[in-house]
PDB file of all heavy atoms in Angstrom:
ATOM      1  N   LEU A   1     -26.437  26.810 -62.686  1.00  0.00           N
ATOM      2  CA  LEU A   1     -26.516  25.565 -61.916  1.00  0.00           C
ATOM      3  C   LEU A   1     -26.237  24.392 -62.853  1.00  0.00           C
ATOM      4  O   LEU A   1     -26.622  24.415 -64.020  1.00  0.00           O
ATOM      5  CB  LEU A   1     -27.890  25.413 -61.267  1.00  0.00           C
ATOM      6  CG  LEU A   1     -28.275  26.500 -60.261  1.00  0.00           C
ATOM      7  CD1 LEU A   1     -29.705  26.303 -59.772  1.00  0.00           C
ATOM      8  CD2 LEU A   1     -27.304  26.510 -59.087  1.00  0.00           C
ATOM      9  N   LYS A   2     -25.575  23.369 -62.337  1.00  0.00           N
ATOM     10  CA  LYS A   2     -25.127  22.247 -63.160  1.00  0.00           C
ATOM     11  C   LYS A   2     -25.829  20.952 -62.779  1.00  0.00           C
ATOM     12  O   LYS A   2     -26.253  20.764 -61.642  1.00  0.00           O
ATOM     13  CB  LYS A   2     -23.611  22.054 -63.017  1.00  0.00           C
ATOM     14  CG  LYS A   2     -22.792  23.293 -63.353  1.00  0.00           C
ATOM     15  CD  LYS A   2     -22.905  23.643 -64.803  1.00  0.00           C
ATOM     16  CE  LYS A   2     -22.077  24.860 -65.152  1.00  0.00           C
ATOM     17  NZ  LYS A   2     -22.363  25.342 -66.489  1.00  0.00           N
ATOM     18  N   ASN A   3     -25.925  20.049 -63.740  1.00  0.00           N
ATOM     19  CA  ASN A   3     -26.481  18.718 -63.528  1.00  0.00           C
ATOM     20  C   ASN A   3     -25.415  17.834 -62.892  1.00  0.00           C
ATOM     21  O   ASN A   3     -24.732  17.062 -63.561  1.00  0.00           O
ATOM     22  CB  ASN A   3     -26.968  18.126 -64.858  1.00  0.00           C
ATOM     23  CG  ASN A   3     -28.299  18.689 -65.274  1.00  0.00           C
ATOM     24  OD1 ASN A   3     -29.344  18.274 -64.778  1.00  0.00           O
ATOM     25  ND2 ASN A   3     -28.270  19.654 -66.167  1.00  0.00           N
ATOM     26  N   VAL A   4     -25.254  18.004 -61.595  1.00  0.00           N
ATOM     27  CA  VAL A   4     -24.289  17.230 -60.821  1.00  0.00           C
ATOM     28  C   VAL A   4     -25.046  16.329 -59.862  1.00  0.00           C
ATOM     29  O   VAL A   4     -26.262  16.466 -59.672  1.00  0.00           O
ATOM     30  CB  VAL A   4     -23.312  18.145 -60.041  1.00  0.00           C
ATOM     31  CG1 VAL A   4     -22.448  18.959 -60.999  1.00  0.00           C
ATOM     32  CG2 VAL A   4     -24.061  19.060 -59.087  1.00  0.00           C
ATOM     33  N   ARG A   5     -24.335  15.401 -59.236  1.00  0.00           N
ATOM     34  CA  ARG A   5     -24.952  14.475 -58.293  1.00  0.00           C
ATOM     35  C   ARG A   5     -25.766  15.246 -57.252  1.00  0.00           C
ATOM     36  O   ARG A   5     -25.278  16.176 -56.634  1.00  0.00           O
ATOM     37  CB  ARG A   5     -23.863  13.649 -57.610  1.00  0.00           C
ATOM     38  CG  ARG A   5     -24.394  12.707 -56.547  1.00  0.00           C
ATOM     39  CD  ARG A   5     -23.282  11.782 -56.020  1.00  0.00           C
ATOM     40  NE  ARG A   5     -23.633  11.191 -54.743  1.00  0.00           N
ATOM     41  CZ  ARG A   5     -24.472  10.171 -54.578  1.00  0.00           C
ATOM     42  NH1 ARG A   5     -25.067   9.635 -55.629  1.00  0.00           N
ATOM     43  NH2 ARG A   5     -24.736   9.685 -53.381  1.00  0.00           N
ATOM     44  N   GLY A   6     -27.016  14.846 -57.096  1.00  0.00           N
ATOM     45  CA  GLY A   6     -27.893  15.461 -56.108  1.00  0.00           C
ATOM     46  C   GLY A   6     -28.674  16.661 -56.610  1.00  0.00           C
ATOM     47  O   GLY A   6     -29.560  17.144 -55.906  1.00  0.00           O
ATOM     48  N   SER A   7     -28.387  17.134 -57.809  1.00  0.00           N
ATOM     49  CA  SER A   7     -29.144  18.280 -58.316  1.00  0.00           C
ATOM     50  C   SER A   7     -30.517  17.820 -58.802  1.00  0.00           C
ATOM     51  O   SER A   7     -30.705  16.679 -59.224  1.00  0.00           O
ATOM     52  CB  SER A   7     -28.387  18.997 -59.440  1.00  0.00           C
ATOM     53  OG  SER A   7     -28.162  18.134 -60.527  1.00  0.00           O
ATOM     54  N   VAL A   8     -31.491  18.730 -58.702  1.00  0.00           N
ATOM     55  CA  VAL A   8     -32.872  18.472 -59.108  1.00  0.00           C
ATOM     56  C   VAL A   8     -33.128  19.300 -60.363  1.00  0.00           C
ATOM     57  O   VAL A   8     -32.853  20.502 -60.385  1.00  0.00           O
ATOM     58  CB  VAL A   8     -33.871  18.873 -57.995  1.00  0.00           C
ATOM     59  CG1 VAL A   8     -35.299  18.550 -58.410  1.00  0.00           C
ATOM     60  CG2 VAL A   8     -33.511  18.197 -56.682  1.00  0.00           C
ATOM     61  N   ALA A   9     -33.626  18.650 -61.418  1.00  0.00           N
ATOM     62  CA  ALA A   9     -33.813  19.323 -62.698  1.00  0.00           C
ATOM     63  C   ALA A   9     -35.181  19.004 -63.286  1.00  0.00           C
ATOM     64  O   ALA A   9     -35.814  18.013 -62.923  1.00  0.00           O
ATOM     65  CB  ALA A   9     -32.713  18.898 -63.675  1.00  0.00           C
ATOM     66  N   MET A  10     -35.610  19.857 -64.200  1.00  0.00           N
ATOM     67  CA  MET A  10     -36.870  19.654 -64.896  1.00  0.00           C
ATOM     68  C   MET A  10     -36.679  18.675 -66.046  1.00  0.00           C
ATOM     69  O   MET A  10     -35.721  18.789 -66.811  1.00  0.00           O
ATOM     70  CB  MET A  10     -37.399  20.980 -65.469  1.00  0.00           C
ATOM     71  CG  MET A  10     -37.804  22.022 -64.441  1.00  0.00           C
ATOM     72  SD  MET A  10     -39.047  21.482 -63.247  1.00  0.00           S
ATOM     73  CE  MET A  10     -40.418  21.027 -64.289  1.00  0.00           C
ATOM     74  N   ALA A  11     -37.580  17.703 -66.156  1.00  0.00           N
ATOM     75  CA  ALA A  11     -37.612  16.817 -67.316  1.00  0.00           C
ATOM     76  C   ALA A  11     -38.392  17.533 -68.412  1.00  0.00           C
ATOM     77  O   ALA A  11     -39.233  18.385 -68.127  1.00  0.00           O
ATOM     78  CB  ALA A  11     -38.275  15.495 -66.954  1.00  0.00           C
ATOM     79  N   ARG A  12     -38.094  17.191 -69.643  1.00  0.00           N
ATOM     80  CA  ARG A  12     -38.773  17.831 -70.774  1.00  0.00           C
ATOM     81  C   ARG A  12     -38.699  16.925 -71.988  1.00  0.00           C
ATOM     82  O   ARG A  12     -38.035  15.897 -71.974  1.00  0.00           O
ATOM     83  CB  ARG A  12     -38.137  19.186 -71.079  1.00  0.00           C
ATOM     84  CG  ARG A  12     -36.660  19.101 -71.476  1.00  0.00           C
ATOM     85  CD  ARG A  12     -36.140  20.439 -71.951  1.00  0.00           C
ATOM     86  NE  ARG A  12     -34.725  20.474 -72.224  1.00  0.00           N
ATOM     87  CZ  ARG A  12     -34.137  19.988 -73.315  1.00  0.00           C
ATOM     88  NH1 ARG A  12     -34.855  19.380 -74.233  1.00  0.00           N
ATOM     89  NH2 ARG A  12     -32.833  20.094 -73.489  1.00  0.00           N
ATOM     90  N   THR A  13     -39.370  17.331 -73.064  1.00  0.00           N
ATOM     91  CA  THR A  13     -39.266  16.635 -74.342  1.00  0.00           C
ATOM     92  C   THR A  13     -38.089  17.232 -75.106  1.00  0.00           C
ATOM     93  O   THR A  13     -37.285  17.981 -74.532  1.00  0.00           O
ATOM     94  CB  THR A  13     -40.563  16.807 -75.161  1.00  0.00           C
ATOM     95  OG1 THR A  13     -40.693  18.192 -75.517  1.00  0.00           O
ATOM     96  CG2 THR A  13     -41.795  16.367 -74.379  1.00  0.00           C
ATOM     97  N   ASN A  14     -38.010  16.955 -76.400  1.00  0.00           N
ATOM     98  CA  ASN A  14     -36.944  17.555 -77.219  1.00  0.00           C
ATOM     99  C   ASN A  14     -37.082  19.063 -77.339  1.00  0.00           C
ATOM    100  O   ASN A  14     -36.127  19.747 -77.677  1.00  0.00           O
ATOM    101  CB  ASN A  14     -36.909  16.911 -78.606  1.00  0.00           C
ATOM    102  CG  ASN A  14     -36.350  15.507 -78.555  1.00  0.00           C
ATOM    103  OD1 ASN A  14     -35.560  15.170 -77.680  1.00  0.00           O
ATOM    104  ND2 ASN A  14     -36.775  14.663 -79.490  1.00  0.00           N
ATOM    105  N   ASP A  15     -38.274  19.579 -77.076  1.00  0.00           N
ATOM    106  CA  ASP A  15     -38.498  21.026 -77.080  1.00  0.00           C
ATOM    107  C   ASP A  15     -37.939  21.587 -75.771  1.00  0.00           C
ATOM    108  O   ASP A  15     -38.424  21.226 -74.690  1.00  0.00           O
ATOM    109  CB  ASP A  15     -39.995  21.318 -77.197  1.00  0.00           C
ATOM    110  CG  ASP A  15     -40.335  22.802 -77.122  1.00  0.00           C
ATOM    111  OD1 ASP A  15     -39.433  23.637 -76.875  1.00  0.00           O
ATOM    112  OD2 ASP A  15     -41.519  23.127 -77.297  1.00  0.00           O
ATOM    113  N   PRO A  16     -36.924  22.458 -75.825  1.00  0.00           N
ATOM    114  CA  PRO A  16     -36.322  22.979 -74.597  1.00  0.00           C
ATOM    115  C   PRO A  16     -37.305  23.687 -73.669  1.00  0.00           C
ATOM    116  O   PRO A  16     -37.077  23.751 -72.458  1.00  0.00           O
ATOM    117  CB  PRO A  16     -35.266  23.967 -75.102  1.00  0.00           C
ATOM    118  CG  PRO A  16     -34.983  23.548 -76.498  1.00  0.00           C
ATOM    119  CD  PRO A  16     -36.262  22.958 -77.029  1.00  0.00           C
ATOM    120  N   ASP A  17     -38.401  24.212 -74.214  1.00  0.00           N
ATOM    121  CA  ASP A  17     -39.371  24.958 -73.420  1.00  0.00           C
ATOM    122  C   ASP A  17     -40.635  24.136 -73.134  1.00  0.00           C
ATOM    123  O   ASP A  17     -41.743  24.664 -73.094  1.00  0.00           O
ATOM    124  CB  ASP A  17     -39.750  26.263 -74.142  1.00  0.00           C
ATOM    125  CG  ASP A  17     -38.561  27.179 -74.342  1.00  0.00           C
ATOM    126  OD1 ASP A  17     -37.688  27.220 -73.461  1.00  0.00           O
ATOM    127  OD2 ASP A  17     -38.501  27.854 -75.385  1.00  0.00           O
ATOM    128  N   SER A  18     -40.474  22.827 -72.901  1.00  0.00           N
ATOM    129  CA  SER A  18     -41.636  21.952 -72.722  1.00  0.00           C
ATOM    130  C   SER A  18     -41.774  21.369 -71.317  1.00  0.00           C
ATOM    131  O   SER A  18     -42.669  20.568 -71.070  1.00  0.00           O
ATOM    132  CB  SER A  18     -41.566  20.800 -73.732  1.00  0.00           C
ATOM    133  OG  SER A  18     -40.417  20.005 -73.479  1.00  0.00           O
ATOM    134  N   ALA A  19     -40.904  21.750 -70.372  1.00  0.00           N
ATOM    135  CA  ALA A  19     -40.980  21.192 -69.012  1.00  0.00           C
ATOM    136  C   ALA A  19     -42.319  21.547 -68.378  1.00  0.00           C
ATOM    137  O   ALA A  19     -42.809  22.673 -68.515  1.00  0.00           O
ATOM    138  CB  ALA A  19     -39.836  21.720 -68.156  1.00  0.00           C
ATOM    139  N   MET A  20     -42.890  20.560 -67.669  1.00  0.00           N
ATOM    140  CA  MET A  20     -44.150  20.809 -66.969  1.00  0.00           C
ATOM    141  C   MET A  20     -44.053  20.298 -65.542  1.00  0.00           C
ATOM    142  O   MET A  20     -43.523  20.982 -64.691  1.00  0.00           O
ATOM    143  CB  MET A  20     -45.322  20.223 -67.743  1.00  0.00           C
ATOM    144  CG  MET A  20     -45.537  20.969 -69.072  1.00  0.00           C
ATOM    145  SD  MET A  20     -47.010  20.553 -69.961  1.00  0.00           S
ATOM    146  CE  MET A  20     -48.278  21.317 -69.004  1.00  0.00           C
ATOM    147  N   ALA A  21     -44.521  19.083 -65.266  1.00  0.00           N
ATOM    148  CA  ALA A  21     -44.547  18.586 -63.891  1.00  0.00           C
ATOM    149  C   ALA A  21     -43.436  17.579 -63.595  1.00  0.00           C
ATOM    150  O   ALA A  21     -43.067  17.390 -62.444  1.00  0.00           O
ATOM    151  CB  ALA A  21     -45.898  17.939 -63.588  1.00  0.00           C
ATOM    152  N   GLN A  22     -42.907  16.920 -64.618  1.00  0.00           N
ATOM    153  CA  GLN A  22     -41.909  15.883 -64.365  1.00  0.00           C
ATOM    154  C   GLN A  22     -40.552  16.488 -64.027  1.00  0.00           C
ATOM    155  O   GLN A  22     -40.152  17.516 -64.581  1.00  0.00           O
ATOM    156  CB  GLN A  22     -41.787  14.954 -65.566  1.00  0.00           C
ATOM    157  CG  GLN A  22     -43.035  14.114 -65.764  1.00  0.00           C
ATOM    158  CD  GLN A  22     -42.842  13.030 -66.789  1.00  0.00           C
ATOM    159  OE1 GLN A  22     -41.773  12.424 -66.867  1.00  0.00           O
ATOM    160  NE2 GLN A  22     -43.883  12.775 -67.585  1.00  0.00           N
ATOM    161  N   PHE A  23     -39.859  15.809 -63.107  1.00  0.00           N
ATOM    162  CA  PHE A  23     -38.541  16.254 -62.658  1.00  0.00           C
ATOM    163  C   PHE A  23     -37.654  15.048 -62.467  1.00  0.00           C
ATOM    164  O   PHE A  23     -38.134  13.906 -62.445  1.00  0.00           O
ATOM    165  CB  PHE A  23     -38.655  17.045 -61.348  1.00  0.00           C
ATOM    166  CG  PHE A  23     -39.105  16.210 -60.175  1.00  0.00           C
ATOM    167  CD1 PHE A  23     -38.180  15.674 -59.285  1.00  0.00           C
ATOM    168  CD2 PHE A  23     -40.452  15.936 -59.962  1.00  0.00           C
ATOM    169  CE1 PHE A  23     -38.587  14.890 -58.214  1.00  0.00           C
ATOM    170  CE2 PHE A  23     -40.870  15.155 -58.885  1.00  0.00           C
ATOM    171  CZ  PHE A  23     -39.936  14.632 -58.012  1.00  0.00           C
ATOM    172  N   PHE A  24     -36.353  15.284 -62.344  1.00  0.00           N
ATOM    173  CA  PHE A  24     -35.446  14.190 -62.055  1.00  0.00           C
ATOM    174  C   PHE A  24     -34.367  14.649 -61.084  1.00  0.00           C
ATOM    175  O   PHE A  24     -34.094  15.842 -60.949  1.00  0.00           O
ATOM    176  CB  PHE A  24     -34.841  13.580 -63.329  1.00  0.00           C
ATOM    177  CG  PHE A  24     -33.994  14.514 -64.157  1.00  0.00           C
ATOM    178  CD1 PHE A  24     -32.612  14.573 -63.986  1.00  0.00           C
ATOM    179  CD2 PHE A  24     -34.571  15.306 -65.144  1.00  0.00           C
ATOM    180  CE1 PHE A  24     -31.825  15.408 -64.771  1.00  0.00           C
ATOM    181  CE2 PHE A  24     -33.797  16.145 -65.943  1.00  0.00           C
ATOM    182  CZ  PHE A  24     -32.415  16.198 -65.753  1.00  0.00           C
ATOM    183  N   ILE A  25     -33.794  13.654 -60.399  1.00  0.00           N
ATOM    184  CA  ILE A  25     -32.683  13.893 -59.485  1.00  0.00           C
ATOM    185  C   ILE A  25     -31.488  13.159 -60.067  1.00  0.00           C
ATOM    186  O   ILE A  25     -31.552  11.941 -60.322  1.00  0.00           O
ATOM    187  CB  ILE A  25     -32.994  13.379 -58.065  1.00  0.00           C
ATOM    188  CG1 ILE A  25     -34.233  14.082 -57.496  1.00  0.00           C
ATOM    189  CG2 ILE A  25     -31.778  13.579 -57.150  1.00  0.00           C
ATOM    190  CD1 ILE A  25     -34.732  13.508 -56.169  1.00  0.00           C
ATOM    191  N   ASN A  26     -30.412  13.890 -60.309  1.00  0.00           N
ATOM    192  CA  ASN A  26     -29.197  13.294 -60.837  1.00  0.00           C
ATOM    193  C   ASN A  26     -28.535  12.444 -59.765  1.00  0.00           C
ATOM    194  O   ASN A  26     -28.250  12.930 -58.670  1.00  0.00           O
ATOM    195  CB  ASN A  26     -28.227  14.385 -61.300  1.00  0.00           C
ATOM    196  CG  ASN A  26     -28.677  15.075 -62.567  1.00  0.00           C
ATOM    197  OD1 ASN A  26     -28.622  14.502 -63.636  1.00  0.00           O
ATOM    198  ND2 ASN A  26     -29.134  16.320 -62.440  1.00  0.00           N
ATOM    199  N   SER A  27     -28.261  11.173 -60.075  1.00  0.00           N
ATOM    200  CA  SER A  27     -27.586  10.311 -59.106  1.00  0.00           C
ATOM    201  C   SER A  27     -26.067  10.339 -59.291  1.00  0.00           C
ATOM    202  O   SER A  27     -25.334   9.839 -58.445  1.00  0.00           O
ATOM    203  CB  SER A  27     -28.114   8.877 -59.194  1.00  0.00           C
ATOM    204  OG  SER A  27     -27.980   8.370 -60.493  1.00  0.00           O
TER     205      SER A  27
END
């Protein structure tokens, strides 16, 4: 899956395995 317009992704820190509750929607 790609970070394209309308996709929903996990936010994280610089650590790739750090995603928790934050998310973002690519505009």
